[in-house]
Amino acid sequence: MLILLEFILVTLGIVYLSFTITKNYTLVFSKRRPNKITRYLVAAFGAGFMLAAIIFALFIWGTALGFVYWFATITFSASLCVLALSFKPRVLRLFLLI
């Protein structure tokens, strides 16, 4: 159950950080360009989720296993994000909380 929470935090962080790239943002939302405030807000949310994920992992599993689980979930989440952006970019709209 804890690894699922770690996966959700990391996935939200990766998806939000991918929205800071203009090409990914236009793929998902069909807009020309995000404005500056939106880009900073999305980047802040992405960094916040990633920071929360690393703190959660280090607190629950300790230093050695925390980093291992964090990097493992980043690898898996980034792979899923890349696949979603390649084949079904509109699915990533579900992750937008702002």
C-alpha atoms as a PDB file:
ATOM      1  CA  MET A   1       0.000   0.000   0.000  1.00  0.00           C
ATOM      2  CA  LEU A   2       2.860   2.384   0.761  1.00  0.00           C
ATOM      3  CA  ILE A   3       4.522   1.740  -2.589  1.00  0.00           C
ATOM      4  CA  LEU A   4       1.237   2.651  -4.276  1.00  0.00           C
ATOM      5  CA  LEU A   5       1.225   6.017  -2.531  1.00  0.00           C
ATOM      6  CA  GLU A   6       4.854   6.507  -3.568  1.00  0.00           C
ATOM      7  CA  PHE A   7       3.923   5.626  -7.152  1.00  0.00           C
ATOM      8  CA  ILE A   8       1.043   8.132  -7.164  1.00  0.00           C
ATOM      9  CA  LEU A   9       3.226  10.952  -5.804  1.00  0.00           C
ATOM     10  CA  VAL A  10       6.023  10.275  -8.282  1.00  0.00           C
ATOM     11  CA  THR A  11       3.628   9.900 -11.220  1.00  0.00           C
ATOM     12  CA  LEU A  12       1.963  13.219 -10.418  1.00  0.00           C
ATOM     13  CA  GLY A  13       5.389  14.837 -10.169  1.00  0.00           C
ATOM     14  CA  ILE A  14       6.582  13.425 -13.500  1.00  0.00           C
ATOM     15  CA  VAL A  15       3.379  14.367 -15.305  1.00  0.00           C
ATOM     16  CA  TYR A  16       3.381  17.907 -13.941  1.00  0.00           C
ATOM     17  CA  LEU A  17       7.046  18.360 -14.798  1.00  0.00           C
ATOM     18  CA  SER A  18       6.381  17.100 -18.323  1.00  0.00           C
ATOM     19  CA  PHE A  19       3.708  19.792 -18.711  1.00  0.00           C
ATOM     20  CA  THR A  20       6.386  22.471 -18.317  1.00  0.00           C
ATOM     21  CA  ILE A  21       7.671  21.555 -21.789  1.00  0.00           C
ATOM     22  CA  THR A  22       5.685  23.523 -24.347  1.00  0.00           C
ATOM     23  CA  LYS A  23       5.473  20.636 -26.824  1.00  0.00           C
ATOM     24  CA  ASN A  24       3.975  18.295 -24.228  1.00  0.00           C
ATOM     25  CA  TYR A  25       1.554  20.955 -23.027  1.00  0.00           C
ATOM     26  CA  THR A  26       0.257  21.586 -26.556  1.00  0.00           C
ATOM     27  CA  LEU A  27      -0.093  17.835 -27.174  1.00  0.00           C
ATOM     28  CA  VAL A  28      -2.293  17.393 -24.145  1.00  0.00           C
ATOM     29  CA  PHE A  29      -4.310  20.625 -24.127  1.00  0.00           C
ATOM     30  CA  SER A  30      -4.329  21.678 -27.822  1.00  0.00           C
ATOM     31  CA  LYS A  31      -3.364  25.230 -26.952  1.00  0.00           C
ATOM     32  CA  ARG A  32      -0.656  27.185 -28.621  1.00  0.00           C
ATOM     33  CA  ARG A  33       1.501  27.903 -25.599  1.00  0.00           C
ATOM     34  CA  PRO A  34       1.019  27.961 -21.853  1.00  0.00           C
ATOM     35  CA  ASN A  35       1.389  31.353 -20.262  1.00  0.00           C
ATOM     36  CA  LYS A  36       4.241  32.069 -17.885  1.00  0.00           C
ATOM     37  CA  ILE A  37       2.168  31.750 -14.707  1.00  0.00           C
ATOM     38  CA  THR A  38       0.825  28.351 -15.750  1.00  0.00           C
ATOM     39  CA  ARG A  39       4.317  27.066 -16.497  1.00  0.00           C
ATOM     40  CA  TYR A  40       5.667  28.212 -13.128  1.00  0.00           C
ATOM     41  CA  LEU A  41       2.655  26.842 -11.284  1.00  0.00           C
ATOM     42  CA  VAL A  42       2.878  23.451 -12.989  1.00  0.00           C
ATOM     43  CA  ALA A  43       6.637  23.302 -12.348  1.00  0.00           C
ATOM     44  CA  ALA A  44       6.082  24.141  -8.677  1.00  0.00           C
ATOM     45  CA  PHE A  45       3.451  21.414  -8.340  1.00  0.00           C
ATOM     46  CA  GLY A  46       5.723  18.899 -10.071  1.00  0.00           C
ATOM     47  CA  ALA A  47       8.689  19.742  -7.871  1.00  0.00           C
ATOM     48  CA  GLY A  48       6.460  19.668  -4.797  1.00  0.00           C
ATOM     49  CA  PHE A  49       5.140  16.199  -5.604  1.00  0.00           C
ATOM     50  CA  MET A  50       8.666  14.923  -6.269  1.00  0.00           C
ATOM     51  CA  LEU A  51       9.919  16.428  -3.016  1.00  0.00           C
ATOM     52  CA  ALA A  52       6.997  14.914  -1.122  1.00  0.00           C
ATOM     53  CA  ALA A  53       7.727  11.546  -2.729  1.00  0.00           C
ATOM     54  CA  ILE A  54      11.405  11.521  -1.747  1.00  0.00           C
ATOM     55  CA  ILE A  55      10.643  12.647   1.798  1.00  0.00           C
ATOM     56  CA  PHE A  56       7.936  10.000   2.087  1.00  0.00           C
ATOM     57  CA  ALA A  57      10.255   7.279   0.780  1.00  0.00           C
ATOM     58  CA  LEU A  58      13.113   8.247   3.067  1.00  0.00           C
ATOM     59  CA  PHE A  59      10.822   8.483   6.078  1.00  0.00           C
ATOM     60  CA  ILE A  60       9.088   5.138   5.510  1.00  0.00           C
ATOM     61  CA  TRP A  61      11.909   2.913   4.214  1.00  0.00           C
ATOM     62  CA  GLY A  62      15.057   4.652   5.433  1.00  0.00           C
ATOM     63  CA  THR A  63      17.930   6.023   3.407  1.00  0.00           C
ATOM     64  CA  ALA A  64      19.081   2.956   1.474  1.00  0.00           C
ATOM     65  CA  LEU A  65      15.729   1.456   0.494  1.00  0.00           C
ATOM     66  CA  GLY A  66      14.061   4.866   0.232  1.00  0.00           C
ATOM     67  CA  PHE A  67      16.347   5.949  -2.592  1.00  0.00           C
ATOM     68  CA  VAL A  68      15.982   2.563  -4.292  1.00  0.00           C
ATOM     69  CA  TYR A  69      12.183   2.684  -4.230  1.00  0.00           C
ATOM     70  CA  TRP A  70      12.145   6.341  -5.265  1.00  0.00           C
ATOM     71  CA  PHE A  71      14.369   5.768  -8.295  1.00  0.00           C
ATOM     72  CA  ALA A  72      12.444   2.617  -9.218  1.00  0.00           C
ATOM     73  CA  THR A  73       9.113   4.424  -9.165  1.00  0.00           C
ATOM     74  CA  ILE A  74      10.610   7.338 -11.129  1.00  0.00           C
ATOM     75  CA  THR A  75      11.766   4.910 -13.812  1.00  0.00           C
ATOM     76  CA  PHE A  76       8.389   3.224 -14.057  1.00  0.00           C
ATOM     77  CA  SER A  77       6.412   6.482 -13.929  1.00  0.00           C
ATOM     78  CA  ALA A  78       8.592   8.180 -16.520  1.00  0.00           C
ATOM     79  CA  SER A  79       8.164   5.193 -18.836  1.00  0.00           C
ATOM     80  CA  LEU A  80       4.395   5.358 -18.462  1.00  0.00           C
ATOM     81  CA  CYS A  81       4.416   9.121 -19.026  1.00  0.00           C
ATOM     82  CA  VAL A  82       6.470   8.765 -22.211  1.00  0.00           C
ATOM     83  CA  LEU A  83       4.158   6.050 -23.515  1.00  0.00           C
ATOM     84  CA  ALA A  84       1.094   8.136 -22.697  1.00  0.00           C
ATOM     85  CA  LEU A  85       2.558  11.214 -24.418  1.00  0.00           C
ATOM     86  CA  SER A  86       3.449   9.124 -27.468  1.00  0.00           C
ATOM     87  CA  PHE A  87       0.213   7.248 -27.979  1.00  0.00           C
ATOM     88  CA  LYS A  88      -2.603   8.796 -25.898  1.00  0.00           C
ATOM     89  CA  PRO A  89      -1.605  12.319 -24.829  1.00  0.00           C
ATOM     90  CA  ARG A  90      -5.148  13.366 -23.895  1.00  0.00           C
ATOM     91  CA  VAL A  91      -5.212  10.760 -21.097  1.00  0.00           C
ATOM     92  CA  LEU A  92      -2.786  12.927 -19.124  1.00  0.00           C
ATOM     93  CA  ARG A  93      -5.512  15.557 -18.705  1.00  0.00           C
ATOM     94  CA  LEU A  94      -6.839  13.401 -15.877  1.00  0.00           C
ATOM     95  CA  PHE A  95      -3.762  14.218 -13.788  1.00  0.00           C
ATOM     96  CA  LEU A  96      -4.229  17.969 -13.898  1.00  0.00           C
ATOM     97  CA  LEU A  97      -5.362  19.150 -10.484  1.00  0.00           C
ATOM     98  CA  ILE A  98      -4.994  22.897 -10.978  1.00  0.00           C
END
